């Protein structure tokens, strides 16, 4: 059970985990999320003892504060991304960052928790306004009442409800397209095998005709500056990566709650890939190679 004692709440591991859960889903970055949580905790400790004692539910107070900090970060992040080199992708998360929560969740809650960090969902959320993203994450993932969501976004409960509903429709549309988990895993395993063996024909058969590959190097490492579209171009793109790095090793891994791939060269981490699978073929590939976004994998 999460502690509610004002003297202990900010130091409780479950509280911190909950706040990080909110922040990373809103921001799509573990580093930014940690900064947001740290700021919220600092604001808590800056309160006088009398002010802390007056807070009925410290966890709710902290969730509101960290969400407001995230709103501010999202506003400035849009300006930062305008200067970002190449394509920007959300940070891929390893399995222990997704499933290793100290919170005890019911299976349906855990499923929502896991799904909300998948790259495909994060890409959808990244296209939303900051207020819509916060409204969806707080209400649909963390079951925060709309009255409290409205306090965070500075709107009315009805406006927060509409923002969350719009985001929910976008996320649901993405989910409806995706293949079942078992089919997703089979496709990723086959993709890894085809790359390992250099089986170009098998690799081509795994790609949808309109497949899109997006790579994020952040200007730190070489990556395609724009999305690569179409099976032929994506096949050449993948073949080029393998040809340039003959020692490249592909390892299946859980990436942001779904089967994905970790790429290593002589044991050095090169990148982490997520895949969207539709009708049994890869429809989207997201390859993050920016070292700043891979620190949890090192």
Protein backbone atom coordinates (compact mmCIF):
# COMPACT_ATOMS: atom_id res chain seq x y z
CA UNK A 1 0.00 0.00 0.00
CA UNK A 2 1.33 3.43 -0.89
CA UNK A 3 2.29 5.48 2.14
CA UNK A 4 0.24 8.61 2.82
CA UNK A 5 2.11 9.92 5.87
CA UNK A 6 3.34 13.43 4.94
CA UNK A 7 6.66 12.68 6.62
CA UNK A 8 7.27 9.61 4.50
CA UNK A 9 5.38 9.95 1.22
CA UNK A 10 8.08 11.57 -0.89
CA UNK A 11 10.65 8.98 0.20
CA UNK A 12 8.43 5.98 -0.54
CA UNK A 13 9.66 3.88 -3.48
CA UNK A 14 6.14 3.13 -4.70
CA UNK A 15 5.24 6.80 -4.75
CA UNK A 16 8.37 7.63 -6.73
CA UNK A 17 7.63 4.77 -9.11
CA UNK A 18 4.10 6.04 -9.65
CA UNK A 19 5.33 9.57 -10.36
CA UNK A 20 7.96 8.26 -12.77
CA UNK A 21 5.24 6.19 -14.46
CA UNK A 22 3.18 9.30 -15.06
CA UNK A 23 6.12 11.42 -16.20
CA UNK A 24 7.69 8.95 -18.62
CA UNK A 25 4.34 8.31 -20.33
CA UNK A 26 3.67 12.01 -20.67
CA UNK A 27 7.18 12.96 -21.78
CA UNK A 28 8.48 9.88 -23.62
CA UNK A 29 11.90 10.35 -22.01
CA UNK A 30 13.23 8.71 -18.86
CA UNK A 31 15.76 11.52 -18.25
CA UNK A 32 13.12 14.24 -18.55
CA UNK A 33 10.78 12.15 -16.40
CA UNK A 34 13.37 11.83 -13.63
CA UNK A 35 13.95 15.59 -13.71
CA UNK A 36 10.20 16.23 -13.49
CA UNK A 37 9.82 13.89 -10.52
CA UNK A 38 12.80 15.44 -8.78
CA UNK A 39 11.26 18.89 -9.22
CA UNK A 40 7.93 17.70 -7.80
CA UNK A 41 9.65 16.17 -4.77
CA UNK A 42 11.67 19.33 -4.20
CA UNK A 43 8.46 21.36 -4.19
CA UNK A 44 7.04 18.96 -1.61
CA UNK A 45 10.01 19.36 0.68
CA UNK A 46 9.91 23.14 0.30
CA UNK A 47 6.47 23.15 1.94
CA UNK A 48 6.39 23.85 5.64
CA UNK A 49 5.37 21.03 7.93
CA UNK A 50 2.03 22.74 8.48
CA UNK A 51 1.47 22.95 4.71
CA UNK A 52 2.31 19.26 4.26
CA UNK A 53 0.00 18.30 7.12
CA UNK A 54 -2.80 20.19 5.39
CA UNK A 55 -2.53 18.02 2.26
CA UNK A 56 -5.21 15.33 2.51
CA UNK A 57 -3.69 12.95 -0.08
CA UNK A 58 0.04 13.60 -0.64
CA UNK A 59 0.21 11.22 -3.60
CA UNK A 60 -2.55 13.11 -5.37
CA UNK A 61 -0.78 16.41 -4.64
CA UNK A 62 2.50 15.07 -6.00
CA UNK A 63 0.80 13.61 -9.09
CA UNK A 64 -0.77 17.00 -9.83
CA UNK A 65 2.55 18.79 -9.40
CA UNK A 66 4.57 16.36 -11.53
CA UNK A 67 1.90 16.55 -14.24
CA UNK A 68 2.10 20.34 -14.27
CA UNK A 69 5.87 20.17 -14.52
CA UNK A 70 5.47 17.76 -17.44
CA UNK A 71 3.11 20.20 -19.16
CA UNK A 72 5.78 22.89 -18.95
CA UNK A 73 8.42 20.47 -20.24
CA UNK A 74 6.22 19.47 -23.19
CA UNK A 75 5.81 23.12 -24.13
CA UNK A 76 9.56 23.71 -24.20
CA UNK A 77 10.22 20.32 -25.81
CA UNK A 78 8.38 21.40 -28.94
CA UNK A 79 10.87 24.22 -29.36
CA UNK A 80 13.81 21.89 -28.71
CA UNK A 81 12.59 19.42 -31.31
CA UNK A 82 12.50 22.12 -33.95
CA UNK A 83 16.29 22.20 -33.64
CA UNK A 84 16.65 18.41 -33.31
CA UNK A 85 18.82 16.83 -35.98
CA UNK A 86 16.82 14.33 -38.04
CA UNK A 87 13.76 12.44 -36.88
CA UNK A 88 12.74 12.43 -33.21
CA UNK A 89 11.49 9.19 -31.64
CA UNK A 90 10.33 8.44 -28.10
CA UNK A 91 12.83 6.68 -25.89
CA UNK A 92 12.66 2.85 -26.00
CA UNK A 93 12.32 1.28 -22.58
CA UNK A 94 13.77 -2.08 -21.49
CA UNK A 95 11.58 -4.75 -19.93
CA UNK A 96 12.52 -4.01 -16.33
CA UNK A 97 11.61 -0.34 -16.76
CA UNK A 98 8.13 -1.34 -17.93
CA UNK A 99 7.28 -4.41 -15.87
CA UNK A 100 9.52 -3.84 -12.86
CA UNK A 101 7.09 -1.52 -11.11
CA UNK A 102 6.97 -1.64 -7.33
CA UNK A 103 3.23 -1.04 -7.60
CA UNK A 104 0.96 -4.06 -7.27
CA UNK A 105 -1.45 -3.85 -10.21
CA UNK A 106 -4.36 -6.00 -11.30
CA UNK A 107 -3.78 -7.75 -14.68
CA UNK A 108 -6.04 -5.30 -16.59
CA UNK A 109 -4.24 -2.35 -14.99
CA UNK A 110 -0.85 -3.89 -15.78
CA UNK A 111 -1.90 -4.37 -19.41
CA UNK A 112 -2.82 -0.68 -19.71
CA UNK A 113 0.42 0.29 -17.93
CA UNK A 114 2.53 -1.79 -20.36
CA UNK A 115 0.63 -0.79 -23.49
CA UNK A 116 0.91 2.92 -22.74
CA UNK A 117 4.69 2.92 -23.22
CA UNK A 118 4.74 0.99 -26.50
CA UNK A 119 6.46 2.99 -29.22
CA UNK A 120 3.40 2.95 -31.47
CA UNK A 121 1.27 4.47 -28.71
CA UNK A 122 3.97 6.96 -27.77
CA UNK A 123 4.17 8.09 -31.40
CA UNK A 124 0.41 8.72 -31.35
CA UNK A 125 0.65 10.61 -28.04
CA UNK A 126 3.53 12.69 -29.33
CA UNK A 127 1.27 14.10 -32.04
CA UNK A 128 -1.24 15.37 -29.46
CA UNK A 129 -1.32 18.72 -27.75
CA UNK A 130 0.34 18.70 -24.31
CA UNK A 131 -3.05 19.08 -22.59
CA UNK A 132 -4.56 16.16 -24.53
CA UNK A 133 -1.58 13.95 -23.77
CA UNK A 134 -1.68 14.72 -20.07
CA UNK A 135 -5.47 14.24 -19.94
CA UNK A 136 -5.23 10.82 -21.58
CA UNK A 137 -2.31 9.56 -19.49
CA UNK A 138 -3.73 10.74 -16.17
CA UNK A 139 -7.25 9.48 -16.73
CA UNK A 140 -6.94 6.41 -18.97
CA UNK A 141 -3.68 5.03 -17.59
CA UNK A 142 -3.75 6.20 -13.97
CA UNK A 143 -7.51 6.62 -13.40
CA UNK A 144 -7.22 10.20 -12.17
CA UNK A 145 -10.72 11.79 -12.05
CA UNK A 146 -11.40 14.46 -14.67
CA UNK A 147 -11.94 17.07 -11.97
CA UNK A 148 -8.31 16.58 -10.90
CA UNK A 149 -7.09 16.38 -14.51
CA UNK A 150 -8.74 19.75 -15.15
CA UNK A 151 -6.77 21.25 -12.25
CA UNK A 152 -3.58 20.14 -13.95
CA UNK A 153 -4.45 21.37 -17.44
CA UNK A 154 -6.20 24.54 -16.34
CA UNK A 155 -9.43 23.56 -18.08
CA UNK A 156 -12.86 22.30 -17.10
CA UNK A 157 -13.61 18.63 -16.33
CA UNK A 158 -15.69 18.43 -19.51
CA UNK A 159 -12.85 19.85 -21.61
CA UNK A 160 -10.43 17.35 -20.03
CA UNK A 161 -12.92 14.57 -20.80
CA UNK A 162 -13.11 15.59 -24.45
CA UNK A 163 -9.32 15.82 -24.78
CA UNK A 164 -8.88 12.34 -23.29
CA UNK A 165 -11.65 10.92 -25.50
CA UNK A 166 -10.01 12.29 -28.65
CA UNK A 167 -6.65 10.83 -27.63
CA UNK A 168 -8.33 7.53 -26.76
CA UNK A 169 -9.82 7.28 -30.26
CA UNK A 170 -6.40 7.86 -31.84
CA UNK A 171 -4.76 5.23 -29.63
CA UNK A 172 -7.60 2.76 -30.21
CA UNK A 173 -7.31 3.19 -33.99
CA UNK A 174 -3.62 2.34 -33.76
CA UNK A 175 -4.34 -0.70 -31.58
CA UNK A 176 -6.99 -2.04 -33.95
CA UNK A 177 -4.46 -2.16 -36.77
CA UNK A 178 -1.83 -4.04 -34.81
CA UNK A 179 -1.43 -7.81 -35.05
CA UNK A 180 -1.89 -10.06 -31.99
CA UNK A 181 1.06 -10.44 -29.62
CA UNK A 182 1.97 -13.97 -30.78
CA UNK A 183 2.01 -12.90 -34.43
CA UNK A 184 4.07 -9.85 -33.51
CA UNK A 185 6.66 -12.02 -31.78
CA UNK A 186 6.84 -14.47 -34.72
CA UNK A 187 7.43 -11.60 -37.13
CA UNK A 188 10.19 -10.08 -35.00
CA UNK A 189 11.92 -13.47 -34.60
CA UNK A 190 11.73 -14.05 -38.36
CA UNK A 191 13.06 -10.55 -39.01
CA UNK A 192 16.04 -11.16 -36.74
CA UNK A 193 16.74 -14.53 -38.39
CA UNK A 194 16.58 -13.08 -41.91
CA UNK A 195 19.00 -10.29 -40.95
CA UNK A 196 21.38 -12.72 -39.24
CA UNK A 197 21.49 -15.05 -42.23
CA UNK A 198 21.44 -12.35 -44.88
CA UNK A 199 18.32 -13.89 -46.42
CA UNK A 200 17.17 -10.91 -48.47
CA UNK A 201 14.19 -12.72 -49.99
CA UNK A 202 12.82 -13.71 -46.59
CA UNK A 203 13.46 -10.21 -45.26
CA UNK A 204 11.56 -8.67 -48.18
CA UNK A 205 8.61 -10.98 -47.54
CA UNK A 206 8.35 -9.72 -43.97
CA UNK A 207 7.88 -6.09 -44.98
CA UNK A 208 4.56 -4.52 -45.87
CA UNK A 209 4.49 -2.82 -49.26
CA UNK A 210 4.01 0.58 -47.63
CA UNK A 211 6.38 -0.03 -44.70
CA UNK A 212 8.01 3.04 -43.15
CA UNK A 213 11.36 3.03 -41.32
CA UNK A 214 12.30 5.91 -39.03
CA UNK A 215 15.73 6.20 -37.41
CA UNK A 216 16.77 8.60 -34.66
CA UNK A 217 20.45 9.46 -34.32
CA UNK A 218 19.89 12.89 -32.81
CA UNK A 219 22.92 14.22 -34.66
CA UNK A 220 25.09 12.06 -32.42
CA UNK A 221 25.43 9.12 -34.81
CA UNK A 222 24.67 8.58 -38.48
CA UNK A 223 20.98 7.97 -39.21
CA UNK A 224 18.50 8.65 -41.99
CA UNK A 225 17.37 12.27 -41.70
CA UNK A 226 13.90 11.48 -43.05
CA UNK A 227 11.56 8.47 -42.93
CA UNK A 228 12.34 5.74 -45.46
CA UNK A 229 9.13 4.70 -47.22
CA UNK A 230 8.24 1.62 -49.26
CA UNK A 231 9.40 -1.99 -49.10
CA UNK A 232 12.18 -1.62 -51.69
CA UNK A 233 13.71 1.43 -50.04
CA UNK A 234 13.42 0.00 -46.53
CA UNK A 235 15.01 -3.26 -47.69
CA UNK A 236 17.96 -1.31 -49.09
CA UNK A 237 18.13 0.74 -45.90
CA UNK A 238 18.35 -2.39 -43.73
CA UNK A 239 20.79 -4.07 -46.10
CA UNK A 240 22.97 -0.96 -45.93
CA UNK A 241 23.08 -1.06 -42.14
CA UNK A 242 24.08 -4.73 -42.18
CA UNK A 243 26.71 -4.18 -44.88
CA UNK A 244 28.33 -1.28 -43.03
CA UNK A 245 28.55 -3.31 -39.82
CA UNK A 246 29.47 -6.92 -40.66
CA UNK A 247 29.90 -7.66 -36.95
CA UNK A 248 26.44 -6.44 -36.06
CA UNK A 249 24.53 -8.75 -33.70
CA UNK A 250 20.75 -8.59 -33.44
CA UNK A 251 19.17 -9.73 -30.18
CA UNK A 252 15.41 -10.14 -29.65
CA UNK A 253 14.29 -8.16 -26.61
CA UNK A 254 11.23 -6.68 -24.97
CA UNK A 255 11.19 -3.06 -26.09
CA UNK A 256 8.67 -0.74 -24.46
CA UNK A 257 6.38 -3.63 -23.64
CA UNK A 258 6.51 -5.39 -27.04
CA UNK A 259 8.95 -7.71 -28.84
CA UNK A 260 11.72 -5.70 -30.44
CA UNK A 261 15.42 -5.89 -31.27
CA UNK A 262 18.66 -4.70 -29.67
CA UNK A 263 21.59 -4.10 -32.04
CA UNK A 264 25.17 -4.54 -30.85
CA UNK A 265 28.52 -4.35 -32.61
CA UNK A 266 31.43 -6.04 -30.78
CA UNK A 267 29.28 -5.92 -27.63
CA UNK A 268 28.86 -2.14 -27.99
CA UNK A 269 25.27 -0.97 -28.08
CA UNK A 270 24.33 0.44 -31.49
CA UNK A 271 20.57 0.86 -31.32
CA UNK A 272 17.20 -0.43 -30.20
CA UNK A 273 14.42 -1.15 -32.69
CA UNK A 274 10.66 -1.34 -32.25
CA UNK A 275 8.33 -2.84 -34.82
CA UNK A 276 4.66 -2.36 -35.63
CA UNK A 277 3.12 -5.49 -37.15
CA UNK A 278 -0.06 -5.31 -39.22
CA UNK A 279 -1.55 -8.33 -41.04
CA UNK A 280 1.54 -10.39 -40.26
CA UNK A 281 4.07 -8.00 -41.82
CA UNK A 282 6.18 -5.13 -40.52
CA UNK A 283 4.37 -1.89 -41.26
CA UNK A 284 6.63 0.46 -39.28
CA UNK A 285 10.16 0.21 -37.96
CA UNK A 286 11.52 2.62 -35.36
CA UNK A 287 15.27 2.53 -34.78
CA UNK A 288 16.71 4.64 -31.97
CA UNK A 289 20.49 5.10 -32.13
CA UNK A 290 20.88 8.37 -30.24
CA UNK A 291 23.07 7.37 -27.24
CA UNK A 292 21.23 9.86 -25.03
CA UNK A 293 18.08 7.77 -25.43
CA UNK A 294 19.76 4.41 -24.81
CA UNK A 295 21.26 4.91 -21.37
CA UNK A 296 18.80 2.49 -19.74
CA UNK A 297 20.09 -0.26 -22.06
CA UNK A 298 23.78 0.20 -21.34
